[in-house]
Amino acid sequence: MYTFLAAIILLVVFTFFVVNLPVFGKLPTGDKLEKIKNLPNYKGGEIKNQSFTPVKPEGVSYWDMLSKVIEGNEEGSPKSAMPHLKSDFSNSEQFKLTWFGHSSYLIQVDGKNILVDPVFSERTSPFQFLGTKRFAGTDFVNIEDFPPLDIVLITHDHYDHLDYHTILKLKDSKAKFITSIGVGSHLEHWGIQSERITELAWQEETSPLANISFKAMPARHFSGRLFKRNQTLWSSFILKTKNNNIYLGGDSGYDFHFKEIGDNYGPFDLAILECGQYNKMWPNIHMFPEEMVQASIDLKAKYLLPVHWGKYRLALHNWDESINGVTENAKLANVEVLTPQLGETFNLNANLPKNKWWKNL
């Protein structure tokens, strides 16, 4: 009896210790929590999407999901190392962008450096000994390689967009952080001073630097780093610079918000949309290739840049299925798709990256 009680106590203590590890972050409290509770889409103790968005469709069980994940896919990762190009991080007045795989990219414009969803850990997991590793060849850049950062934008708090280990490396930088409401509580918990953080609810806007503004807009997704979901917001963002109008998609399933944003704030010079990690077992929170192309049309985007692929295997499809599907559907719809290699720096004025380099892997 005493042995059993001792085991229960040890289990409780261990569980308490694990769930309080800093990597899980910290949920909003006090005034921040009250502001979230006053959001028009906060209902029943959590933030809601604009459209009904079930975690899974009818007829699909969590066991179905788990069994498919365990089964895996031999074509889920490339057979050879991902190639990369040498980046150009020199100061730039005109808009230029460097993609590092998945959803991490550096925007340089008007002499400023803006890093979006920086994730440079080996795994998108709370524990670096659990989960699938990043693709070979994608570890070519580190935070220390970047020029001085002015802005770090975090779209939402999932591990493949908000990386604890990367944030720790940015703690002593002078960068300002812009993020969805509630996510700042994680950042503060990890040592980022509150005065460096700006949280936005949908339709809120901030202009942290001359000629540069960010406006948080809806997305169709969810949030959470531990057990409790949807206590912090997920967003897309409109980035306005002196000469550019850019849409930063963040994670999102397809919905009417793309057309509303396109009608009210478009046209966009570039739409950066999430490509990959979709499945019929979670059809509402990530877009299928044909939906992504339609979203670009809805947004009235001149160019479409697919991200959220090319670094981590977080779904069951072949590693290159998403980019193949996007380029094929885009050709049929007469949408111009940009396909830079990892590390490749490009601008929107000349030598646009359209090579299907992944076909050689």
Protein backbone atom coordinates (compact mmCIF):
# COMPACT_ATOMS: atom_id res chain seq x y z
CA MET A 1 0.00 0.00 0.00
CA TYR A 2 2.76 2.45 0.97
CA THR A 3 4.71 1.55 -2.16
CA PHE A 4 1.66 2.31 -4.30
CA LEU A 5 1.07 5.66 -2.58
CA ALA A 6 4.74 6.56 -2.95
CA ALA A 7 4.57 5.75 -6.67
CA ILE A 8 1.47 7.93 -7.06
CA ILE A 9 3.15 10.84 -5.25
CA LEU A 10 6.29 10.51 -7.37
CA LEU A 11 4.17 10.45 -10.53
CA VAL A 12 2.30 13.59 -9.46
CA VAL A 13 5.54 15.41 -8.61
CA PHE A 14 7.14 14.36 -11.88
CA THR A 15 4.09 15.45 -13.89
CA PHE A 16 4.04 18.81 -12.09
CA PHE A 17 7.73 19.26 -12.87
CA VAL A 18 7.33 18.40 -16.55
CA VAL A 19 4.30 20.58 -17.27
CA ASN A 20 6.05 23.53 -15.64
CA LEU A 21 9.14 23.31 -17.82
CA PRO A 22 9.82 26.70 -19.46
CA VAL A 23 9.55 25.30 -23.00
CA PHE A 24 5.77 25.12 -22.61
CA GLY A 25 5.61 28.86 -22.02
CA LYS A 26 3.00 30.61 -19.93
CA LEU A 27 -0.60 31.47 -20.68
CA PRO A 28 -1.95 35.02 -20.31
CA THR A 29 -3.20 36.18 -16.92
CA GLY A 30 -4.55 39.39 -15.42
CA ASP A 31 -5.28 42.29 -17.79
CA LYS A 32 -4.00 40.33 -20.81
CA LEU A 33 -6.42 37.52 -20.10
CA GLU A 34 -9.28 39.99 -19.65
CA LYS A 35 -8.53 41.56 -23.04
CA ILE A 36 -8.63 38.13 -24.65
CA LYS A 37 -11.93 37.31 -22.94
CA ASN A 38 -13.36 40.51 -24.43
CA LEU A 39 -12.50 39.51 -27.99
CA PRO A 40 -15.63 39.07 -30.13
CA ASN A 41 -14.50 35.55 -31.07
CA TYR A 42 -13.85 34.39 -27.48
CA LYS A 43 -16.63 32.00 -26.52
CA GLY A 44 -17.01 29.08 -24.14
CA GLY A 45 -13.60 29.62 -22.55
CA GLU A 46 -11.55 29.72 -25.75
CA ILE A 47 -10.83 31.72 -28.89
CA LYS A 48 -12.87 30.61 -31.90
CA ASN A 49 -12.35 30.80 -35.65
CA GLN A 50 -14.70 32.84 -37.81
CA SER A 51 -16.15 29.62 -39.23
CA PHE A 52 -16.91 26.41 -37.34
CA THR A 53 -13.61 24.52 -37.32
CA PRO A 54 -13.73 21.07 -35.72
CA VAL A 55 -10.42 19.47 -34.80
CA LYS A 56 -11.31 16.48 -36.97
CA PRO A 57 -14.15 15.65 -39.36
CA GLU A 58 -16.97 13.26 -38.54
CA GLY A 59 -16.00 9.62 -38.85
CA VAL A 60 -12.35 10.21 -37.98
CA SER A 61 -11.09 9.15 -34.55
CA TYR A 62 -7.93 10.12 -32.74
CA TRP A 63 -6.88 6.49 -33.09
CA ASP A 64 -7.18 6.83 -36.87
CA MET A 65 -4.83 9.79 -36.72
CA LEU A 66 -2.38 8.10 -34.37
CA SER A 67 -2.25 4.85 -36.33
CA LYS A 68 -1.52 6.70 -39.58
CA VAL A 69 1.21 8.74 -37.90
CA ILE A 70 2.77 5.53 -36.51
CA GLU A 71 2.55 3.92 -39.95
CA GLY A 72 4.45 6.87 -41.44
CA ASN A 73 5.48 7.40 -45.04
CA GLU A 74 8.80 6.38 -46.57
CA GLU A 75 8.49 9.27 -49.02
CA GLY A 76 7.86 11.79 -46.25
CA SER A 77 11.48 12.97 -46.30
CA PRO A 78 13.84 13.61 -49.24
CA LYS A 79 16.37 10.87 -50.00
CA SER A 80 19.27 13.32 -50.21
CA ALA A 81 20.28 16.49 -48.41
CA MET A 82 18.37 19.65 -49.25
CA PRO A 83 20.49 22.10 -51.25
CA HIS A 84 20.87 25.72 -50.23
CA LEU A 85 22.33 28.90 -51.64
CA LYS A 86 24.46 31.55 -49.99
CA SER A 87 22.22 34.30 -48.64
CA ASP A 88 22.63 38.02 -49.22
CA PHE A 89 21.98 39.76 -45.91
CA SER A 90 23.30 43.14 -47.03
CA ASN A 91 21.25 46.20 -46.09
CA SER A 92 18.41 46.84 -48.55
CA GLU A 93 15.97 49.66 -49.25
CA GLN A 94 13.97 47.68 -51.80
CA PHE A 95 12.01 44.62 -50.67
CA LYS A 96 13.97 41.37 -50.62
CA LEU A 97 13.35 38.04 -48.91
CA THR A 98 15.36 34.98 -47.88
CA TRP A 99 13.57 31.71 -47.05
CA PHE A 100 15.17 29.19 -44.65
CA GLY A 101 12.69 26.32 -44.94
CA HIS A 102 9.31 25.77 -43.33
CA SER A 103 7.87 29.14 -42.23
CA SER A 104 11.07 30.99 -41.33
CA TYR A 105 12.15 33.84 -43.58
CA LEU A 106 13.94 37.18 -43.41
CA ILE A 107 12.44 40.27 -45.02
CA GLN A 108 14.78 43.19 -45.66
CA VAL A 109 13.18 46.45 -46.75
CA ASP A 110 13.56 50.18 -46.15
CA GLY A 111 16.87 49.47 -44.43
CA LYS A 112 15.19 47.24 -41.82
CA ASN A 113 15.47 43.51 -41.03
CA ILE A 114 12.29 41.56 -40.21
CA LEU A 115 12.53 37.90 -39.18
CA VAL A 116 9.31 35.85 -39.34
CA ASP A 117 8.57 32.70 -37.29
CA PRO A 118 12.22 31.79 -36.67
CA VAL A 119 12.56 28.07 -35.94
CA PHE A 120 16.09 26.67 -36.11
CA SER A 121 15.95 23.69 -33.75
CA GLU A 122 16.43 20.11 -34.87
CA ARG A 123 12.86 19.19 -33.98
CA THR A 124 9.57 21.09 -33.69
CA SER A 125 8.89 19.51 -30.34
CA PRO A 126 9.00 20.54 -26.68
CA PHE A 127 11.71 17.92 -26.23
CA GLN A 128 14.60 17.72 -28.67
CA PHE A 129 14.83 13.93 -28.24
CA LEU A 130 11.23 13.41 -29.47
CA GLY A 131 9.75 13.87 -32.92
CA THR A 132 11.05 13.75 -36.46
CA LYS A 133 14.29 15.54 -37.26
CA ARG A 134 14.61 18.36 -39.76
CA PHE A 135 15.62 17.31 -43.25
CA ALA A 136 19.32 16.83 -43.92
CA GLY A 137 20.94 19.98 -45.25
CA THR A 138 18.52 22.43 -43.63
CA ASP A 139 20.79 23.35 -40.73
CA PHE A 140 22.81 25.84 -42.77
CA VAL A 141 21.88 29.01 -40.86
CA ASN A 142 21.78 30.11 -37.22
CA ILE A 143 20.54 33.19 -35.40
CA GLU A 144 24.13 34.36 -35.04
CA ASP A 145 24.42 34.62 -38.84
CA PHE A 146 21.76 37.32 -39.21
CA PRO A 147 22.34 41.06 -39.40
CA PRO A 148 20.98 43.10 -36.46
CA LEU A 149 17.24 42.45 -36.35
CA ASP A 150 14.68 45.23 -36.04
CA ILE A 151 11.50 43.14 -35.87
CA VAL A 152 10.71 39.52 -35.02
CA LEU A 153 7.19 38.55 -36.05
CA ILE A 154 5.55 35.48 -34.48
CA THR A 155 2.24 34.44 -36.05
CA HIS A 156 1.13 31.98 -33.32
CA ASP A 157 2.48 29.78 -30.55
CA HIS A 158 2.86 26.32 -32.14
CA TYR A 159 6.30 24.72 -31.88
CA ASP A 160 6.99 24.97 -35.60
CA HIS A 161 6.46 28.76 -35.45
CA LEU A 162 7.51 29.70 -31.92
CA ASP A 163 10.79 28.01 -31.01
CA TYR A 164 11.85 28.32 -27.37
CA HIS A 165 15.55 27.75 -28.09
CA THR A 166 15.61 30.33 -30.86
CA ILE A 167 13.85 32.93 -28.70
CA LEU A 168 16.45 32.45 -25.97
CA LYS A 169 19.13 33.38 -28.51
CA LEU A 170 17.18 36.53 -29.39
CA LYS A 171 16.71 37.58 -25.78
CA ASP A 172 19.69 39.93 -25.77
CA SER A 173 19.05 41.39 -29.21
CA LYS A 174 17.47 44.80 -29.64
CA ALA A 175 14.67 43.46 -31.84
CA LYS A 176 11.05 44.34 -31.18
CA PHE A 177 8.56 41.47 -31.15
CA ILE A 178 5.17 41.65 -32.85
CA THR A 179 2.76 38.80 -32.34
CA SER A 180 -0.84 37.69 -31.85
CA ILE A 181 -2.52 38.59 -28.60
CA GLY A 182 -1.59 36.24 -25.76
CA VAL A 183 1.64 34.97 -27.31
CA GLY A 184 3.58 37.71 -25.56
CA SER A 185 3.08 35.87 -22.26
CA HIS A 186 5.30 33.06 -23.54
CA LEU A 187 7.93 35.57 -24.64
CA GLU A 188 7.93 37.38 -21.30
CA HIS A 189 8.21 34.04 -19.49
CA TRP A 190 11.38 33.40 -21.52
CA GLY A 191 12.98 36.71 -20.67
CA ILE A 192 11.84 39.12 -23.40
CA GLN A 193 11.07 42.48 -21.81
CA SER A 194 7.41 43.48 -22.05
CA GLU A 195 8.28 46.86 -23.57
CA ARG A 196 9.77 45.04 -26.58
CA ILE A 197 6.53 43.13 -27.27
CA THR A 198 3.45 44.32 -29.16
CA GLU A 199 0.44 41.99 -29.19
CA LEU A 200 -2.31 42.45 -31.74
CA ALA A 201 -5.87 41.19 -32.00
CA TRP A 202 -7.44 40.84 -35.44
CA GLN A 203 -7.86 44.23 -37.15
CA GLU A 204 -5.38 45.92 -34.81
CA GLU A 205 -2.38 47.68 -36.34
CA THR A 206 1.02 48.90 -35.19
CA SER A 207 3.72 51.00 -36.85
CA PRO A 208 6.91 50.19 -34.94
CA LEU A 209 9.24 51.83 -37.48
CA ALA A 210 9.05 54.60 -40.05
CA ASN A 211 7.35 53.44 -43.29
CA ILE A 212 6.56 50.00 -41.81
CA SER A 213 3.26 48.81 -40.33
CA PHE A 214 1.73 45.47 -39.39
CA LYS A 215 -1.98 44.75 -39.23
CA ALA A 216 -3.19 41.48 -37.68
CA MET A 217 -5.88 39.75 -39.70
CA PRO A 218 -7.93 36.56 -39.32
CA ALA A 219 -6.66 33.07 -40.06
CA ARG A 220 -8.36 29.68 -39.63
CA HIS A 221 -6.24 27.62 -37.28
CA PHE A 222 -5.76 26.99 -33.53
CA SER A 223 -3.12 27.47 -30.83
CA GLY A 224 -1.60 25.82 -27.77
CA ARG A 225 1.68 24.37 -26.51
CA LEU A 226 0.42 21.97 -23.82
CA PHE A 227 -3.05 20.61 -23.04
CA LYS A 228 -5.24 23.71 -23.20
CA ARG A 229 -5.94 24.94 -26.71
CA ASN A 230 -6.97 28.31 -28.11
CA GLN A 231 -5.98 30.53 -25.19
CA THR A 232 -3.77 32.67 -27.43
CA LEU A 233 -4.62 34.04 -30.86
CA TRP A 234 -3.37 32.93 -34.30
CA SER A 235 -3.17 35.52 -37.06
CA SER A 236 -2.18 36.44 -40.55
CA PHE A 237 -0.55 39.85 -41.02
CA ILE A 238 -0.49 42.62 -43.59
CA LEU A 239 2.94 44.23 -43.88
CA LYS A 240 2.97 47.68 -45.44
CA THR A 241 6.26 49.31 -46.37
CA LYS A 242 7.06 52.49 -48.25
CA ASN A 243 6.47 50.81 -51.61
CA ASN A 244 5.02 47.36 -50.88
CA ASN A 245 1.87 45.63 -49.69
CA ILE A 246 2.70 42.10 -48.48
CA TYR A 247 0.44 39.39 -47.03
CA LEU A 248 2.04 37.13 -44.40
CA GLY A 249 -0.31 34.19 -44.15
CA GLY A 250 0.65 32.23 -41.05
CA ASP A 251 -1.01 28.83 -40.66
CA SER A 252 -4.57 28.72 -41.98
CA GLY A 253 -7.16 26.52 -43.52
CA TYR A 254 -9.13 27.91 -46.45
CA ASP A 255 -12.02 30.22 -45.58
CA PHE A 256 -13.81 33.39 -46.64
CA HIS A 257 -11.32 35.65 -44.86
CA PHE A 258 -8.92 35.50 -47.82
CA LYS A 259 -11.44 37.12 -50.16
CA GLU A 260 -12.47 39.68 -47.56
CA ILE A 261 -8.84 40.67 -47.02
CA GLY A 262 -8.20 40.80 -50.76
CA ASP A 263 -11.28 42.95 -51.37
CA ASN A 264 -10.56 45.35 -48.50
CA TYR A 265 -6.74 45.52 -48.42
CA GLY A 266 -5.48 44.13 -51.73
CA PRO A 267 -4.04 43.87 -54.23
CA PHE A 268 -0.84 42.46 -52.70
CA ASP A 269 2.60 42.47 -54.27
CA LEU A 270 3.26 39.09 -52.64
CA ALA A 271 1.22 36.55 -50.68
CA ILE A 272 3.27 34.22 -48.47
CA LEU A 273 1.04 31.23 -47.79
CA GLU A 274 1.48 27.97 -45.93
CA CYS A 275 2.06 24.99 -48.24
CA GLY A 276 2.02 21.50 -46.80
CA GLN A 277 1.28 19.56 -43.59
CA TYR A 278 -2.33 19.03 -44.70
CA ASN A 279 -4.43 15.86 -44.51
CA LYS A 280 -8.06 14.82 -44.94
CA MET A 281 -8.06 13.94 -41.22
CA TRP A 282 -7.47 17.63 -40.35
CA PRO A 283 -8.88 19.42 -43.41
CA ASN A 284 -9.81 22.73 -41.82
CA ILE A 285 -6.54 24.01 -40.36
CA HIS A 286 -4.14 23.69 -43.31
CA MET A 287 -4.80 24.29 -46.99
CA PHE A 288 -4.60 21.72 -49.75
CA PRO A 289 -2.62 22.87 -52.81
CA GLU A 290 -5.67 23.86 -54.86
CA GLU A 291 -7.05 25.84 -51.92
CA MET A 292 -3.78 27.68 -51.51
CA VAL A 293 -3.83 28.78 -55.14
CA GLN A 294 -7.41 29.94 -54.74
CA ALA A 295 -6.45 31.88 -51.60
CA SER A 296 -3.79 33.69 -53.62
CA ILE A 297 -6.42 34.61 -56.21
CA ASP A 298 -8.80 35.76 -53.47
CA LEU A 299 -6.06 37.98 -52.05
CA LYS A 300 -5.41 39.54 -55.48
CA ALA A 301 -1.72 38.72 -55.10
CA LYS A 302 0.71 39.42 -57.93
CA TYR A 303 3.05 36.64 -56.75
CA LEU A 304 2.56 33.60 -54.49
CA LEU A 305 5.35 32.31 -52.26
CA PRO A 306 4.71 28.83 -50.76
CA VAL A 307 6.28 28.22 -47.34
CA HIS A 308 5.63 25.68 -44.54
CA TRP A 309 7.44 22.93 -46.44
CA GLY A 310 10.99 21.83 -47.23
CA LYS A 311 12.34 21.38 -43.68
CA TYR A 312 10.14 19.32 -41.34
CA ARG A 313 7.83 16.35 -41.87
CA LEU A 314 4.69 17.18 -39.89
CA ALA A 315 2.08 15.36 -41.98
CA LEU A 316 1.69 12.12 -43.94
CA HIS A 317 2.04 13.23 -47.55
CA ASN A 318 5.21 12.92 -49.63
CA TRP A 319 7.72 15.62 -48.80
CA ASP A 320 7.36 17.32 -52.21
CA GLU A 321 3.66 16.62 -52.82
CA SER A 322 2.56 20.04 -51.60
CA ILE A 323 4.91 22.13 -53.75
CA ASN A 324 4.20 19.95 -56.79
CA GLY A 325 0.48 20.37 -56.23
CA VAL A 326 0.75 24.13 -55.81
CA THR A 327 2.83 24.67 -58.95
CA GLU A 328 0.57 22.43 -61.02
CA ASN A 329 -2.63 24.13 -59.82
CA ALA A 330 -1.06 27.56 -60.17
CA LYS A 331 -0.19 26.89 -63.80
CA LEU A 332 -3.79 25.97 -64.54
CA ALA A 333 -5.03 29.11 -62.76
CA ASN A 334 -2.40 31.40 -64.30
CA VAL A 335 -0.96 32.27 -60.87
CA GLU A 336 2.73 33.20 -60.68
CA VAL A 337 4.51 31.10 -58.04
CA LEU A 338 7.95 31.91 -56.64
CA THR A 339 10.04 28.89 -55.62
CA PRO A 340 13.35 30.01 -54.10
CA GLN A 341 15.85 27.47 -52.85
CA LEU A 342 16.62 27.48 -49.16
CA GLY A 343 18.88 30.42 -48.37
CA GLU A 344 18.20 32.11 -51.71
CA THR A 345 17.70 35.86 -51.48
CA PHE A 346 15.41 37.44 -54.07
CA ASN A 347 13.57 40.67 -54.75
CA LEU A 348 10.39 41.33 -56.70
CA ASN A 349 11.96 43.42 -59.43
CA ALA A 350 14.17 41.00 -61.37
CA ASN A 351 15.38 37.40 -61.63
CA LEU A 352 12.33 35.95 -59.90
CA PRO A 353 12.98 32.41 -58.55
CA LYS A 354 10.81 29.96 -60.48
CA ASN A 355 13.12 26.97 -60.93
CA LYS A 356 11.73 23.58 -59.83
CA TRP A 357 14.97 22.73 -58.04
CA TRP A 358 13.38 20.05 -55.81
CA LYS A 359 12.82 17.85 -58.87
CA ASN A 360 16.55 17.03 -58.80
CA LEU A 361 16.41 15.41 -55.33
